[in-house]
């Protein structure tokens, strides 16, 4: 049988995990909505930047993705 402090800790951990998931989902929805709203501006920026760099849009997207992945690794 679980002791009361152990049960309380498990309940708090479960509650925190649910809150974290809820906040993550809210953030995901907010980012998705923002991206949809600003899609035209982002496409214009990608076209302009790729043109200025003399590369294709897909190359620019690959470079952006690689830079983001490096930043994530650096934070670890």
N, C-alpha and C. Protein backbone atom coordinates (compact mmCIF):
# COMPACT_ATOMS: atom_id res chain seq x y z
N UNK A 1 0.84 -1.18 0.00
CA UNK A 1 0.00 0.00 0.00
C UNK A 1 0.89 1.25 0.00
N UNK A 2 0.50 2.26 -0.76
CA UNK A 2 1.27 3.49 -0.85
C UNK A 2 1.10 4.32 0.41
N UNK A 3 2.21 4.90 0.84
CA UNK A 3 2.10 5.83 1.96
C UNK A 3 1.49 7.13 1.45
N UNK A 4 0.95 7.91 2.35
CA UNK A 4 0.30 9.16 1.95
C UNK A 4 1.26 10.12 1.27
N UNK A 5 2.48 10.35 1.82
CA UNK A 5 3.41 11.26 1.12
C UNK A 5 3.78 10.76 -0.27
N UNK A 6 3.96 9.44 -0.40
CA UNK A 6 4.30 8.87 -1.71
C UNK A 6 3.14 9.08 -2.68
N UNK A 7 1.92 8.83 -2.22
CA UNK A 7 0.74 9.03 -3.06
C UNK A 7 0.63 10.49 -3.47
N UNK A 8 0.82 11.40 -2.52
CA UNK A 8 0.75 12.84 -2.83
C UNK A 8 1.79 13.23 -3.86
N UNK A 9 3.01 12.70 -3.72
CA UNK A 9 4.07 13.02 -4.68
C UNK A 9 3.71 12.51 -6.07
N UNK A 10 3.19 11.29 -6.14
CA UNK A 10 2.79 10.75 -7.44
C UNK A 10 1.67 11.57 -8.05
N UNK A 11 0.73 11.98 -7.23
CA UNK A 11 -0.38 12.79 -7.72
C UNK A 11 0.12 14.14 -8.23
N UNK A 12 1.05 14.76 -7.49
CA UNK A 12 1.61 16.04 -7.92
C UNK A 12 2.39 15.90 -9.22
N UNK A 13 3.16 14.83 -9.34
CA UNK A 13 3.93 14.58 -10.57
C UNK A 13 2.98 14.39 -11.75
N UNK A 14 1.92 13.59 -11.55
CA UNK A 14 0.95 13.37 -12.61
C UNK A 14 0.28 14.68 -13.01
N UNK A 15 -0.10 15.49 -12.02
CA UNK A 15 -0.74 16.77 -12.30
C UNK A 15 0.21 17.69 -13.07
N UNK A 16 1.47 17.74 -12.67
CA UNK A 16 2.46 18.59 -13.35
C UNK A 16 2.65 18.13 -14.79
N UNK A 17 2.69 16.82 -14.99
CA UNK A 17 2.85 16.29 -16.35
C UNK A 17 1.66 16.67 -17.22
N UNK A 18 0.45 16.58 -16.66
CA UNK A 18 -0.74 16.97 -17.43
C UNK A 18 -0.70 18.45 -17.77
N UNK A 19 -0.30 19.28 -16.81
CA UNK A 19 -0.21 20.72 -17.05
C UNK A 19 0.83 21.00 -18.14
N UNK A 20 1.96 20.30 -18.08
CA UNK A 20 3.02 20.50 -19.07
C UNK A 20 2.52 20.12 -20.45
N UNK A 21 1.83 18.99 -20.56
CA UNK A 21 1.28 18.58 -21.85
C UNK A 21 0.26 19.59 -22.36
N UNK A 22 -0.58 20.07 -21.47
CA UNK A 22 -1.59 21.05 -21.87
C UNK A 22 -0.93 22.34 -22.36
N UNK A 23 0.09 22.80 -21.64
CA UNK A 23 0.79 24.02 -22.05
C UNK A 23 1.52 23.81 -23.37
N UNK A 24 2.12 22.64 -23.54
CA UNK A 24 2.82 22.35 -24.79
C UNK A 24 1.84 22.34 -25.96
N UNK A 25 0.67 21.76 -25.76
CA UNK A 25 -0.33 21.73 -26.82
C UNK A 25 -0.83 23.13 -27.14
N UNK A 26 -1.03 23.96 -26.11
CA UNK A 26 -1.46 25.34 -26.35
C UNK A 26 -0.39 26.10 -27.12
N UNK A 27 0.87 25.89 -26.79
CA UNK A 27 1.96 26.56 -27.50
C UNK A 27 2.02 26.08 -28.95
N UNK A 28 1.85 24.77 -29.15
CA UNK A 28 1.88 24.23 -30.52
C UNK A 28 0.76 24.84 -31.36
N UNK A 29 -0.42 24.95 -30.79
CA UNK A 29 -1.54 25.54 -31.52
C UNK A 29 -1.30 27.02 -31.82
N UNK A 30 -0.72 27.73 -30.87
CA UNK A 30 -0.43 29.16 -31.07
C UNK A 30 0.59 29.35 -32.19
N UNK A 31 1.64 28.53 -32.19
CA UNK A 31 2.66 28.63 -33.24
C UNK A 31 2.05 28.27 -34.59
N UNK A 32 1.25 27.21 -34.62
CA UNK A 32 0.60 26.79 -35.87
C UNK A 32 -0.29 27.90 -36.42
N UNK A 33 -1.06 28.52 -35.54
CA UNK A 33 -1.93 29.62 -35.96
C UNK A 33 -1.11 30.81 -36.47
N UNK A 34 -0.02 31.14 -35.76
CA UNK A 34 0.83 32.25 -36.17
C UNK A 34 1.45 31.97 -37.54
N UNK A 35 1.94 30.74 -37.73
CA UNK A 35 2.54 30.39 -39.02
C UNK A 35 1.52 30.47 -40.15
N UNK A 36 0.31 30.00 -39.91
CA UNK A 36 -0.73 30.10 -40.94
C UNK A 36 -1.04 31.56 -41.26
N UNK A 37 -1.10 32.40 -40.25
CA UNK A 37 -1.43 33.81 -40.44
C UNK A 37 -0.32 34.54 -41.20
N UNK A 38 0.93 34.18 -40.93
CA UNK A 38 2.08 34.88 -41.51
C UNK A 38 2.75 34.10 -42.65
N UNK A 39 2.06 33.12 -43.19
CA UNK A 39 2.64 32.26 -44.22
C UNK A 39 3.13 33.06 -45.42
N UNK A 40 2.34 34.01 -45.88
CA UNK A 40 2.71 34.80 -47.06
C UNK A 40 3.99 35.59 -46.78
N UNK A 41 4.07 36.21 -45.60
CA UNK A 41 5.27 36.98 -45.24
C UNK A 41 6.50 36.08 -45.15
N UNK A 42 6.32 34.88 -44.59
CA UNK A 42 7.45 33.95 -44.48
C UNK A 42 7.93 33.51 -45.85
N UNK A 43 6.99 33.24 -46.75
CA UNK A 43 7.36 32.84 -48.11
C UNK A 43 8.10 33.97 -48.82
N UNK A 44 7.62 35.20 -48.65
CA UNK A 44 8.31 36.35 -49.25
C UNK A 44 9.73 36.47 -48.70
N UNK A 45 9.87 36.32 -47.38
CA UNK A 45 11.19 36.42 -46.75
C UNK A 45 12.12 35.33 -47.28
N UNK A 46 11.60 34.09 -47.39
CA UNK A 46 12.43 33.00 -47.91
C UNK A 46 12.86 33.28 -49.34
N UNK A 47 11.93 33.75 -50.18
CA UNK A 47 12.27 34.06 -51.57
C UNK A 47 13.34 35.14 -51.65
N UNK A 48 13.16 36.21 -50.88
CA UNK A 48 14.10 37.34 -50.89
C UNK A 48 15.47 36.90 -50.37
N UNK A 49 15.49 36.18 -49.26
CA UNK A 49 16.76 35.77 -48.66
C UNK A 49 17.50 34.78 -49.55
N UNK A 50 16.79 33.82 -50.10
CA UNK A 50 17.43 32.85 -51.00
C UNK A 50 17.99 33.56 -52.22
N UNK A 51 17.25 34.51 -52.76
CA UNK A 51 17.71 35.28 -53.91
C UNK A 51 18.97 36.07 -53.57
N UNK A 52 18.97 36.72 -52.41
CA UNK A 52 20.14 37.50 -51.99
C UNK A 52 21.37 36.62 -51.80
N UNK A 53 21.16 35.39 -51.31
CA UNK A 53 22.27 34.47 -51.09
C UNK A 53 22.66 33.71 -52.36
N UNK A 54 21.82 33.79 -53.38
CA UNK A 54 22.10 33.09 -54.63
C UNK A 54 21.92 31.59 -54.52
N UNK A 55 20.97 31.16 -53.69
CA UNK A 55 20.69 29.73 -53.53
C UNK A 55 19.20 29.49 -53.72
N UNK A 56 18.84 28.22 -53.84
CA UNK A 56 17.41 27.89 -54.00
C UNK A 56 16.72 27.96 -52.63
N UNK A 57 15.41 28.02 -52.69
CA UNK A 57 14.62 28.07 -51.45
C UNK A 57 14.82 26.79 -50.65
N UNK A 58 14.89 25.65 -51.32
CA UNK A 58 15.08 24.39 -50.59
C UNK A 58 16.46 24.36 -49.92
N UNK A 59 17.48 24.93 -50.57
CA UNK A 59 18.80 25.01 -49.92
C UNK A 59 18.74 25.90 -48.69
N UNK A 60 18.02 27.02 -48.78
CA UNK A 60 17.87 27.92 -47.64
C UNK A 60 17.16 27.20 -46.50
N UNK A 61 16.10 26.47 -46.82
CA UNK A 61 15.37 25.73 -45.79
C UNK A 61 16.26 24.69 -45.12
N UNK A 62 17.11 24.02 -45.91
CA UNK A 62 18.04 23.03 -45.34
C UNK A 62 19.04 23.70 -44.42
N UNK A 63 19.55 24.87 -44.83
CA UNK A 63 20.50 25.61 -43.99
C UNK A 63 19.85 26.07 -42.69
N UNK A 64 18.61 26.55 -42.77
CA UNK A 64 17.89 26.97 -41.57
C UNK A 64 17.66 25.80 -40.62
N UNK A 65 17.29 24.66 -41.18
CA UNK A 65 17.06 23.47 -40.37
C UNK A 65 18.36 23.01 -39.70
N UNK A 66 19.45 23.01 -40.46
CA UNK A 66 20.75 22.60 -39.90
C UNK A 66 21.18 23.55 -38.78
N UNK A 67 20.96 24.85 -38.97
CA UNK A 67 21.32 25.83 -37.94
C UNK A 67 20.49 25.62 -36.68
N UNK A 68 19.21 25.34 -36.85
CA UNK A 68 18.33 25.11 -35.69
C UNK A 68 18.76 23.85 -34.95
N UNK A 69 19.14 22.81 -35.69
CA UNK A 69 19.58 21.57 -35.05
C UNK A 69 20.89 21.78 -34.30
N UNK A 70 21.80 22.59 -34.86
CA UNK A 70 23.06 22.90 -34.16
C UNK A 70 22.78 23.64 -32.86
N UNK A 71 21.84 24.59 -32.90
CA UNK A 71 21.50 25.34 -31.69
C UNK A 71 20.94 24.41 -30.61
N UNK A 72 20.12 23.45 -31.02
CA UNK A 72 19.58 22.50 -30.05
C UNK A 72 20.68 21.66 -29.43
N UNK A 73 21.62 21.20 -30.25
CA UNK A 73 22.74 20.40 -29.74
C UNK A 73 23.61 21.22 -28.81
N UNK A 74 23.82 22.49 -29.14
CA UNK A 74 24.65 23.35 -28.30
C UNK A 74 24.02 23.58 -26.93
N UNK A 75 22.71 23.57 -26.86
CA UNK A 75 22.01 23.79 -25.59
C UNK A 75 22.08 22.57 -24.69
N UNK A 76 22.31 21.40 -25.27
CA UNK A 76 22.34 20.15 -24.48
C UNK A 76 23.60 20.01 -23.69
